[in-house]
Each structure stands twice: as structure tokens, then as C-alpha cells.
Amino acid sequence: MLALQHLARMQLTAGRPQDALDSARTAFGLGPEHEEAARRVLLLSVSGEAHLALGAEAEGVRLLDEAATEAERAGYDEGAVRALDALLRVAASPDHVRRHTEAAHRLTANT
């Protein structure tokens, strides 16, 4: 599963968003793992970014917001910052900015 998540991220970086989305969907289908929250957040993030790259902005924003929310709920600040970074590039609402600032502050305070 981790390999599929990395593959999806590399496909997205290589400009192949549909392949990235297909890899993420396959990884989601494998079922839960021991680090389920982090896995879901990373897959939701890459799926959201892939949708944005494919021009499906509403779905991309929805998935990135879901990723950030799940990361925040799980205390996975790195995942929240990553998802919110991508979200801020397309939908910089005051709430997204506030959440990003808070997650980044928690992340730097813990290092």
C-alpha cells in the first residue's frame, strides 16, 4: 500500500494526474493498515491534487479539505500542513489560512 501511495505521488509529480488518481484508488481499496490515519490523509491529499490537475477543482478542494480535517483530528500535523498547503494554492479562505497557521505552529513547536 505504501508503495502505491509513493507511486501516486511520483505520477502526480511527473504530470500524470489520472495515473496518480488510479493508483490512489487502488491503494484505498486495499483496506485499513496500522497507520490508517496517515495513509488516508496522504491518499486523500494526492487524490485531491490529482483532481485539481485534471480540472476538477470542486472535488480537489473537497478531498484536500477532508485530508486536512482527518489529519487535524488525528494529530497528524505534517499531513494537515501538506493538505492545507495544496488547498491554499486554490482556495485561500480565512479558515484554511487559520488552520494552516495553527497546524504549522504545532508542527514547529513539536520539533
C-alpha atoms as a PDB file:
ATOM      1  CA  MET A   1       0.000   0.000   0.000  1.00  0.00           C
ATOM      2  CA  LEU A   2       2.778   2.411   0.897  1.00  0.00           C
ATOM      3  CA  ALA A   3       4.367   1.701  -2.469  1.00  0.00           C
ATOM      4  CA  LEU A   4       1.133   2.682  -4.224  1.00  0.00           C
ATOM      5  CA  GLN A   5       0.953   5.923  -2.263  1.00  0.00           C
ATOM      6  CA  HIS A   6       4.512   6.770  -3.290  1.00  0.00           C
ATOM      7  CA  LEU A   7       3.759   5.754  -6.876  1.00  0.00           C
ATOM      8  CA  ALA A   8       0.715   8.042  -6.920  1.00  0.00           C
ATOM      9  CA  ARG A   9       2.789  10.966  -5.616  1.00  0.00           C
ATOM     10  CA  MET A  10       5.501  10.356  -8.250  1.00  0.00           C
ATOM     11  CA  GLN A  11       2.914  10.057 -11.027  1.00  0.00           C
ATOM     12  CA  LEU A  12       1.403  13.361  -9.967  1.00  0.00           C
ATOM     13  CA  THR A  13       4.857  14.985  -9.893  1.00  0.00           C
ATOM     14  CA  ALA A  14       5.525  13.591 -13.372  1.00  0.00           C
ATOM     15  CA  GLY A  15       2.410  15.285 -14.727  1.00  0.00           C
ATOM     16  CA  ARG A  16       0.288  12.127 -14.902  1.00  0.00           C
ATOM     17  CA  PRO A  17      -2.663  13.015 -12.638  1.00  0.00           C
ATOM     18  CA  GLN A  18      -5.026  10.346 -13.977  1.00  0.00           C
ATOM     19  CA  ASP A  19      -2.456   7.623 -13.272  1.00  0.00           C
ATOM     20  CA  ALA A  20      -1.941   9.111  -9.805  1.00  0.00           C
ATOM     21  CA  LEU A  21      -5.673   9.032  -9.143  1.00  0.00           C
ATOM     22  CA  ASP A  22      -5.900   5.412 -10.354  1.00  0.00           C
ATOM     23  CA  SER A  23      -3.009   4.376  -8.074  1.00  0.00           C
ATOM     24  CA  ALA A  24      -4.577   6.163  -5.097  1.00  0.00           C
ATOM     25  CA  ARG A  25      -7.929   4.444  -5.741  1.00  0.00           C
ATOM     26  CA  THR A  26      -6.189   1.071  -5.844  1.00  0.00           C
ATOM     27  CA  ALA A  27      -4.418   1.827  -2.557  1.00  0.00           C
ATOM     28  CA  PHE A  28      -7.700   2.879  -0.911  1.00  0.00           C
ATOM     29  CA  GLY A  29      -9.170  -0.441  -1.979  1.00  0.00           C
ATOM     30  CA  LEU A  30      -6.564  -2.434  -0.076  1.00  0.00           C
ATOM     31  CA  GLY A  31      -8.227  -1.745   3.260  1.00  0.00           C
ATOM     32  CA  PRO A  32      -7.005  -0.452   6.612  1.00  0.00           C
ATOM     33  CA  GLU A  33      -3.444  -0.682   7.867  1.00  0.00           C
ATOM     34  CA  HIS A  34      -1.733   0.029  11.171  1.00  0.00           C
ATOM     35  CA  GLU A  35      -1.175   3.710  10.328  1.00  0.00           C
ATOM     36  CA  GLU A  36      -4.604   4.210   8.827  1.00  0.00           C
ATOM     37  CA  ALA A  37      -4.975   7.934   9.591  1.00  0.00           C
ATOM     38  CA  ALA A  38      -1.684   8.903   7.965  1.00  0.00           C
ATOM     39  CA  ARG A  39      -2.328   6.621   4.996  1.00  0.00           C
ATOM     40  CA  ARG A  40      -5.798   8.062   4.396  1.00  0.00           C
ATOM     41  CA  VAL A  41      -4.548  11.636   4.719  1.00  0.00           C
ATOM     42  CA  LEU A  42      -1.739  11.093   2.211  1.00  0.00           C
ATOM     43  CA  LEU A  43      -4.016   9.316  -0.252  1.00  0.00           C
ATOM     44  CA  LEU A  44      -6.752  11.936   0.086  1.00  0.00           C
ATOM     45  CA  SER A  45      -4.149  14.653  -0.498  1.00  0.00           C
ATOM     46  CA  VAL A  46      -2.699  13.096  -3.622  1.00  0.00           C
ATOM     47  CA  SER A  47      -6.217  12.378  -4.902  1.00  0.00           C
ATOM     48  CA  GLY A  48      -7.222  15.994  -4.294  1.00  0.00           C
ATOM     49  CA  GLU A  49      -4.150  17.306  -6.073  1.00  0.00           C
ATOM     50  CA  ALA A  50      -4.778  14.924  -8.988  1.00  0.00           C
ATOM     51  CA  HIS A  51      -8.354  16.167  -9.324  1.00  0.00           C
ATOM     52  CA  LEU A  52      -7.089  19.747  -9.357  1.00  0.00           C
ATOM     53  CA  ALA A  53      -4.584  18.870 -12.089  1.00  0.00           C
ATOM     54  CA  LEU A  54      -7.405  17.283 -14.088  1.00  0.00           C
ATOM     55  CA  GLY A  55      -9.501  20.446 -13.780  1.00  0.00           C
ATOM     56  CA  ALA A  56     -11.987  19.069 -11.242  1.00  0.00           C
ATOM     57  CA  GLU A  57     -11.453  21.907  -8.779  1.00  0.00           C
ATOM     58  CA  ALA A  58     -14.520  21.347  -6.574  1.00  0.00           C
ATOM     59  CA  GLU A  59     -13.655  17.683  -5.994  1.00  0.00           C
ATOM     60  CA  GLY A  60      -9.985  18.518  -5.463  1.00  0.00           C
ATOM     61  CA  VAL A  61     -10.822  21.152  -2.852  1.00  0.00           C
ATOM     62  CA  ARG A  62     -13.255  18.777  -1.137  1.00  0.00           C
ATOM     63  CA  LEU A  63     -10.676  15.982  -0.912  1.00  0.00           C
ATOM     64  CA  LEU A  64      -7.902  18.282   0.317  1.00  0.00           C
ATOM     65  CA  ASP A  65     -10.190  19.732   2.978  1.00  0.00           C
ATOM     66  CA  GLU A  66     -11.160  16.194   4.030  1.00  0.00           C
ATOM     67  CA  ALA A  67      -7.464  15.252   4.218  1.00  0.00           C
ATOM     68  CA  ALA A  68      -6.670  18.282   6.365  1.00  0.00           C
ATOM     69  CA  THR A  69      -9.643  17.641   8.652  1.00  0.00           C
ATOM     70  CA  GLU A  70      -8.700  13.990   9.169  1.00  0.00           C
ATOM     71  CA  ALA A  71      -5.071  14.949   9.807  1.00  0.00           C
ATOM     72  CA  GLU A  72      -6.088  17.566  12.360  1.00  0.00           C
ATOM     73  CA  ARG A  73      -8.422  15.125  14.093  1.00  0.00           C
ATOM     74  CA  ALA A  74      -5.648  12.501  14.277  1.00  0.00           C
ATOM     75  CA  GLY A  75      -2.997  14.948  15.468  1.00  0.00           C
ATOM     76  CA  TYR A  76      -1.031  14.387  12.249  1.00  0.00           C
ATOM     77  CA  ASP A  77       0.143  17.977  11.810  1.00  0.00           C
ATOM     78  CA  GLU A  78       2.554  17.231   8.966  1.00  0.00           C
ATOM     79  CA  GLY A  79      -0.324  15.799   6.953  1.00  0.00           C
ATOM     80  CA  ALA A  80      -2.534  18.772   7.808  1.00  0.00           C
ATOM     81  CA  VAL A  81       0.136  21.231   6.680  1.00  0.00           C
ATOM     82  CA  ARG A  82       0.690  19.334   3.421  1.00  0.00           C
ATOM     83  CA  ALA A  83      -3.013  19.176   2.584  1.00  0.00           C
ATOM     84  CA  LEU A  84      -3.586  22.799   3.547  1.00  0.00           C
ATOM     85  CA  ASP A  85      -0.545  23.938   1.515  1.00  0.00           C
ATOM     86  CA  ALA A  86      -2.136  22.445  -1.587  1.00  0.00           C
ATOM     87  CA  LEU A  87      -5.542  23.796  -0.637  1.00  0.00           C
ATOM     88  CA  LEU A  88      -4.242  27.329  -0.152  1.00  0.00           C
ATOM     89  CA  ARG A  89      -2.962  27.374  -3.725  1.00  0.00           C
ATOM     90  CA  VAL A  90      -6.563  27.226  -4.993  1.00  0.00           C
ATOM     91  CA  ALA A  91      -8.903  28.186  -2.146  1.00  0.00           C
ATOM     92  CA  ALA A  92      -7.337  30.554   0.361  1.00  0.00           C
ATOM     93  CA  SER A  93     -10.308  31.082   2.644  1.00  0.00           C
ATOM     94  CA  PRO A  94      -9.656  32.689   6.040  1.00  0.00           C
ATOM     95  CA  ASP A  95     -10.475  29.339   7.681  1.00  0.00           C
ATOM     96  CA  HIS A  96      -7.890  27.493   5.564  1.00  0.00           C
ATOM     97  CA  VAL A  97      -5.259  30.133   6.361  1.00  0.00           C
ATOM     98  CA  ARG A  98      -6.033  29.918  10.090  1.00  0.00           C
ATOM     99  CA  ARG A  99      -5.929  26.118  10.113  1.00  0.00           C
ATOM    100  CA  HIS A 100      -2.644  26.100   8.172  1.00  0.00           C
ATOM    101  CA  THR A 101      -1.082  28.602  10.564  1.00  0.00           C
ATOM    102  CA  GLU A 102      -2.200  26.610  13.609  1.00  0.00           C
ATOM    103  CA  ALA A 103      -1.014  23.262  12.207  1.00  0.00           C
ATOM    104  CA  ALA A 104       2.347  24.730  11.150  1.00  0.00           C
ATOM    105  CA  HIS A 105       2.778  26.252  14.602  1.00  0.00           C
ATOM    106  CA  ARG A 106       2.033  22.914  16.306  1.00  0.00           C
ATOM    107  CA  LEU A 107       4.411  21.146  13.933  1.00  0.00           C
ATOM    108  CA  THR A 108       7.294  23.526  14.602  1.00  0.00           C
ATOM    109  CA  ALA A 109       6.605  23.580  18.343  1.00  0.00           C
ATOM    110  CA  ASN A 110       6.943  19.798  18.482  1.00  0.00           C
ATOM    111  CA  THR A 111      10.369  19.690  16.795  1.00  0.00           C
END
